[in-house]
């Protein structure tokens, strides 16, 4: 059977959880243990699975290289691509937050608020209508360090339990968007491959 649908899956813990969703189904991924390959299929070659960096999942789906993608809502919000978000997969749950020192102010009317984050596009949109001057400082990891070293006033990041914040003397100042793993679709694929996409939704536990 010819491969009908391509699914882009974010590499890492979230992606592995996505892979588990297909276990014991007719579309279970066939792959060798510890394989470094990035492309796999199910046993009937009905679906091709490609493993890519999380930030690239939405790009592959938007451009039609992949019909579907499994990726975190944080990446969807940051990349802001033209795709359909069709299903909350109900794992990888956390929240976007503004965090900083306890009782710290992140509303500086006549001053520039320094914000450390790896989610620069999302942060810009959050603050664009707040009448607050901001300076966004892009970091790729350990953003909690920024306030401690006076690199920023606050951070914008995703938080699951808040333990890392607490351990570093920070706390949530404001909750923003809820985040979890999502199934996204290319708009043309959703129209022209609707039946098999609905089949995949059913395998993932969603009835019509």
Foldseek 3Di string as FASTA:
>chain_A
DEAAFEEEAAPDDQRVVVLVLCPPHQFRWDDDPPDPDQWTGGPVNNYIYGYDHQLCRLVCQQVVVGFKYKHKVLSCLLVVGPWAFDWFLPAPKWFWFKKAAVVADQADQPDEFEEEEQSVRNVCVVCVPVNHHYDYHYDDDPSLCCRVVVVGRIYIDIDHPCPVQVVSNMGTPGTDGIMGITMIGHPVCCVVVVVVVQVVVVSSPDDD
